[in-house]
Amino acid sequence: ADESSGYESESAGGERAAAAAGGTRGRQRRARTAFTSEQVCRLEKTFQRQKYLGASERRKLAAALQLSEMQIKTWFQNRRMKLKRQI
């Protein structure tokens, strides 16, 4: 009965923290994904081969790593930005 949907601002304390940080009350932010070392390794190997994934490649990788397509898409966006900063 006391299950969480995975949103960090689900509790009353989280709502207050979001409101204090200038967040809107009706909009909740998703908790940060903690990738396993195996997932990161596979993502990095894939990134070394190709910097951009098509929809079908993203779908296959998401299924293989048990992540959502949005998590894969976001990881690749963040990784490209990291590469850009390093260069």
N, C-alpha and C. Protein backbone atom coordinates (compact mmCIF):
# COMPACT_ATOMS: atom_id res chain seq x y z
N ALA A 1 0.83 -1.19 0.00
CA ALA A 1 0.00 0.00 0.00
C ALA A 1 0.87 1.25 0.00
N ASP A 2 2.11 1.13 0.50
CA ASP A 2 2.99 2.29 0.61
C ASP A 2 4.08 2.23 -0.47
N GLU A 3 3.69 2.04 -1.74
CA GLU A 3 4.65 1.93 -2.82
C GLU A 3 4.94 3.29 -3.43
N SER A 4 6.12 3.42 -3.99
CA SER A 4 6.53 4.66 -4.63
C SER A 4 6.50 4.49 -6.14
N SER A 5 6.17 5.55 -6.84
CA SER A 5 6.15 5.51 -8.30
C SER A 5 7.53 5.77 -8.89
N GLY A 6 8.53 6.04 -8.05
CA GLY A 6 9.87 6.30 -8.52
C GLY A 6 10.20 7.77 -8.68
N TYR A 7 9.29 8.64 -8.28
CA TYR A 7 9.56 10.07 -8.35
C TYR A 7 10.10 10.53 -7.01
N GLU A 8 11.22 11.28 -7.07
CA GLU A 8 11.86 11.71 -5.84
C GLU A 8 11.04 12.76 -5.08
N SER A 9 10.22 13.53 -5.80
CA SER A 9 9.46 14.59 -5.13
C SER A 9 8.04 14.15 -4.79
N GLU A 10 7.86 12.84 -4.63
CA GLU A 10 6.53 12.31 -4.34
C GLU A 10 6.10 12.62 -2.90
N SER A 11 7.06 12.64 -1.99
CA SER A 11 6.73 12.88 -0.59
C SER A 11 6.49 14.38 -0.35
N ALA A 12 5.89 14.71 0.76
CA ALA A 12 5.60 16.11 1.08
C ALA A 12 6.90 16.90 1.20
N GLY A 13 7.94 16.30 1.77
CA GLY A 13 9.22 16.97 1.90
C GLY A 13 9.83 17.27 0.54
N GLY A 14 9.68 16.36 -0.40
CA GLY A 14 10.18 16.56 -1.75
C GLY A 14 9.45 17.68 -2.46
N GLU A 15 8.14 17.80 -2.22
CA GLU A 15 7.37 18.87 -2.83
C GLU A 15 7.82 20.23 -2.29
N ARG A 16 8.07 20.27 -0.99
CA ARG A 16 8.54 21.52 -0.39
C ARG A 16 9.91 21.89 -0.95
N ALA A 17 10.77 20.90 -1.10
CA ALA A 17 12.11 21.16 -1.63
C ALA A 17 12.03 21.64 -3.07
N ALA A 18 11.14 21.05 -3.87
CA ALA A 18 10.97 21.46 -5.26
C ALA A 18 10.41 22.87 -5.33
N ALA A 19 9.45 23.19 -4.46
CA ALA A 19 8.86 24.52 -4.44
C ALA A 19 9.89 25.55 -4.01
N ALA A 20 10.72 25.20 -3.04
CA ALA A 20 11.75 26.11 -2.55
C ALA A 20 12.81 26.36 -3.64
N ALA A 21 13.03 25.36 -4.50
CA ALA A 21 14.02 25.49 -5.56
C ALA A 21 13.44 26.17 -6.79
N GLY A 22 12.20 26.63 -6.70
CA GLY A 22 11.59 27.34 -7.81
C GLY A 22 10.82 26.44 -8.75
N GLY A 23 10.63 25.17 -8.38
CA GLY A 23 9.88 24.24 -9.23
C GLY A 23 8.40 24.50 -9.13
N THR A 24 7.65 24.05 -10.13
CA THR A 24 6.20 24.20 -10.09
C THR A 24 5.60 23.05 -9.31
N ARG A 25 4.49 23.31 -8.64
CA ARG A 25 3.90 22.31 -7.76
C ARG A 25 3.32 21.12 -8.51
N GLY A 26 2.68 21.34 -9.64
CA GLY A 26 2.02 20.25 -10.35
C GLY A 26 2.98 19.37 -11.15
N ARG A 27 4.18 19.82 -11.34
CA ARG A 27 5.13 19.10 -12.18
C ARG A 27 6.21 18.45 -11.32
N GLN A 28 6.34 17.13 -11.44
CA GLN A 28 7.33 16.43 -10.64
C GLN A 28 8.50 15.99 -11.51
N ARG A 29 9.66 15.96 -10.91
CA ARG A 29 10.87 15.57 -11.62
C ARG A 29 11.21 14.12 -11.31
N ARG A 30 11.61 13.38 -12.31
CA ARG A 30 11.94 11.97 -12.16
C ARG A 30 13.28 11.82 -11.44
N ALA A 31 13.39 10.79 -10.65
CA ALA A 31 14.62 10.52 -9.91
C ALA A 31 15.75 10.17 -10.89
N ARG A 32 16.96 10.47 -10.51
CA ARG A 32 18.13 10.19 -11.35
C ARG A 32 18.31 8.68 -11.48
N THR A 33 18.57 8.22 -12.70
CA THR A 33 18.78 6.79 -12.95
C THR A 33 20.18 6.40 -12.51
N ALA A 34 20.28 5.35 -11.72
CA ALA A 34 21.58 4.81 -11.32
C ALA A 34 21.88 3.64 -12.24
N PHE A 35 22.73 3.86 -13.24
CA PHE A 35 23.09 2.79 -14.17
C PHE A 35 24.06 1.82 -13.51
N THR A 36 23.91 0.54 -13.82
CA THR A 36 24.86 -0.44 -13.30
C THR A 36 26.15 -0.34 -14.11
N SER A 37 27.24 -0.89 -13.59
CA SER A 37 28.51 -0.84 -14.30
C SER A 37 28.43 -1.59 -15.63
N GLU A 38 27.64 -2.67 -15.66
CA GLU A 38 27.47 -3.43 -16.91
C GLU A 38 26.73 -2.58 -17.95
N GLN A 39 25.71 -1.84 -17.51
CA GLN A 39 24.97 -0.99 -18.43
C GLN A 39 25.87 0.11 -18.99
N VAL A 40 26.64 0.74 -18.12
CA VAL A 40 27.53 1.82 -18.54
C VAL A 40 28.57 1.28 -19.52
N CYS A 41 29.10 0.12 -19.23
CA CYS A 41 30.11 -0.49 -20.10
C CYS A 41 29.54 -0.72 -21.49
N ARG A 42 28.35 -1.28 -21.55
CA ARG A 42 27.71 -1.57 -22.85
C ARG A 42 27.37 -0.26 -23.57
N LEU A 43 26.89 0.74 -22.83
CA LEU A 43 26.58 2.03 -23.43
C LEU A 43 27.85 2.69 -24.00
N GLU A 44 28.94 2.64 -23.25
CA GLU A 44 30.20 3.24 -23.70
C GLU A 44 30.73 2.52 -24.95
N LYS A 45 30.65 1.20 -24.96
CA LYS A 45 31.11 0.44 -26.14
C LYS A 45 30.30 0.81 -27.37
N THR A 46 28.99 0.93 -27.19
CA THR A 46 28.12 1.31 -28.29
C THR A 46 28.44 2.72 -28.75
N PHE A 47 28.71 3.61 -27.80
CA PHE A 47 29.02 5.01 -28.12
C PHE A 47 30.33 5.12 -28.89
N GLN A 48 31.30 4.26 -28.58
CA GLN A 48 32.58 4.28 -29.30
C GLN A 48 32.39 3.93 -30.77
N ARG A 49 31.44 3.02 -31.04
CA ARG A 49 31.16 2.60 -32.42
C ARG A 49 30.35 3.65 -33.17
N GLN A 50 29.34 4.22 -32.50
CA GLN A 50 28.48 5.20 -33.15
C GLN A 50 27.96 6.20 -32.14
N LYS A 51 28.08 7.45 -32.49
CA LYS A 51 27.71 8.54 -31.58
C LYS A 51 26.21 8.79 -31.54
N TYR A 52 25.51 8.38 -32.61
CA TYR A 52 24.07 8.58 -32.70
C TYR A 52 23.39 7.25 -32.97
N LEU A 53 22.27 6.99 -32.29
CA LEU A 53 21.51 5.76 -32.49
C LEU A 53 20.20 6.07 -33.21
N GLY A 54 19.85 5.19 -34.13
CA GLY A 54 18.54 5.28 -34.76
C GLY A 54 17.49 4.68 -33.84
N ALA A 55 16.23 4.82 -34.21
CA ALA A 55 15.14 4.35 -33.36
C ALA A 55 15.21 2.84 -33.12
N SER A 56 15.48 2.07 -34.17
CA SER A 56 15.52 0.61 -34.00
C SER A 56 16.71 0.18 -33.13
N GLU A 57 17.86 0.83 -33.32
CA GLU A 57 19.04 0.52 -32.51
C GLU A 57 18.80 0.86 -31.05
N ARG A 58 18.16 2.01 -30.84
CA ARG A 58 17.85 2.45 -29.47
C ARG A 58 16.88 1.48 -28.80
N ARG A 59 15.90 1.02 -29.56
CA ARG A 59 14.91 0.07 -29.02
C ARG A 59 15.59 -1.25 -28.62
N LYS A 60 16.48 -1.75 -29.47
CA LYS A 60 17.19 -3.00 -29.19
C LYS A 60 18.09 -2.86 -27.96
N LEU A 61 18.82 -1.76 -27.89
CA LEU A 61 19.72 -1.53 -26.77
C LEU A 61 18.94 -1.37 -25.46
N ALA A 62 17.83 -0.67 -25.52
CA ALA A 62 16.98 -0.48 -24.34
C ALA A 62 16.47 -1.83 -23.83
N ALA A 63 16.04 -2.68 -24.74
CA ALA A 63 15.55 -4.00 -24.34
C ALA A 63 16.67 -4.85 -23.75
N ALA A 64 17.84 -4.79 -24.35
CA ALA A 64 18.98 -5.59 -23.88
C ALA A 64 19.45 -5.14 -22.49
N LEU A 65 19.37 -3.84 -22.23
CA LEU A 65 19.86 -3.30 -20.95
C LEU A 65 18.76 -3.11 -19.92
N GLN A 66 17.53 -3.43 -20.29
CA GLN A 66 16.36 -3.27 -19.41
C GLN A 66 16.23 -1.82 -18.94
N LEU A 67 16.34 -0.90 -19.92
CA LEU A 67 16.15 0.52 -19.68
C LEU A 67 15.11 1.02 -20.66
N SER A 68 14.58 2.21 -20.42
CA SER A 68 13.61 2.77 -21.36
C SER A 68 14.38 3.41 -22.53
N GLU A 69 13.68 3.59 -23.63
CA GLU A 69 14.30 4.24 -24.79
C GLU A 69 14.68 5.68 -24.45
N MET A 70 13.87 6.32 -23.62
CA MET A 70 14.17 7.70 -23.21
C MET A 70 15.46 7.76 -22.39
N GLN A 71 15.69 6.76 -21.55
CA GLN A 71 16.93 6.72 -20.76
C GLN A 71 18.14 6.56 -21.68
N ILE A 72 18.00 5.71 -22.71
CA ILE A 72 19.09 5.52 -23.67
C ILE A 72 19.34 6.80 -24.44
N LYS A 73 18.27 7.42 -24.91
CA LYS A 73 18.38 8.66 -25.67
C LYS A 73 19.05 9.75 -24.84
N THR A 74 18.63 9.91 -23.61
CA THR A 74 19.20 10.92 -22.72
C THR A 74 20.66 10.63 -22.42
N TRP A 75 20.98 9.35 -22.19
CA TRP A 75 22.38 8.97 -21.90
C TRP A 75 23.27 9.37 -23.08
N PHE A 76 22.83 9.08 -24.31
CA PHE A 76 23.62 9.41 -25.49
C PHE A 76 23.75 10.92 -25.66
N GLN A 77 22.68 11.67 -25.39
CA GLN A 77 22.76 13.13 -25.47
C GLN A 77 23.79 13.66 -24.47
N ASN A 78 23.71 13.16 -23.24
CA ASN A 78 24.64 13.60 -22.20
C ASN A 78 26.08 13.21 -22.53
N ARG A 79 26.25 12.01 -23.10
CA ARG A 79 27.60 11.53 -23.43
C ARG A 79 28.21 12.35 -24.56
N ARG A 80 27.38 12.75 -25.55
CA ARG A 80 27.89 13.60 -26.62
C ARG A 80 28.30 14.97 -26.08
N MET A 81 27.54 15.49 -25.13
CA MET A 81 27.90 16.77 -24.52
C MET A 81 29.19 16.65 -23.72
N LYS A 82 29.37 15.53 -23.04
CA LYS A 82 30.60 15.29 -22.28
C LYS A 82 31.79 15.26 -23.23
N LEU A 83 31.64 14.58 -24.36
CA LEU A 83 32.70 14.51 -25.37
C LEU A 83 33.01 15.90 -25.91
N LYS A 84 31.99 16.68 -26.16
CA LYS A 84 32.16 18.04 -26.67
C LYS A 84 32.94 18.90 -25.67
N ARG A 85 32.62 18.76 -24.38
CA ARG A 85 33.34 19.51 -23.35
C ARG A 85 34.80 19.10 -23.27
N GLN A 86 35.06 17.79 -23.45
CA GLN A 86 36.44 17.29 -23.37
C GLN A 86 37.29 17.78 -24.54
N ILE A 87 36.64 17.97 -25.68
CA ILE A 87 37.35 18.45 -26.88
C ILE A 87 37.46 19.95 -26.81
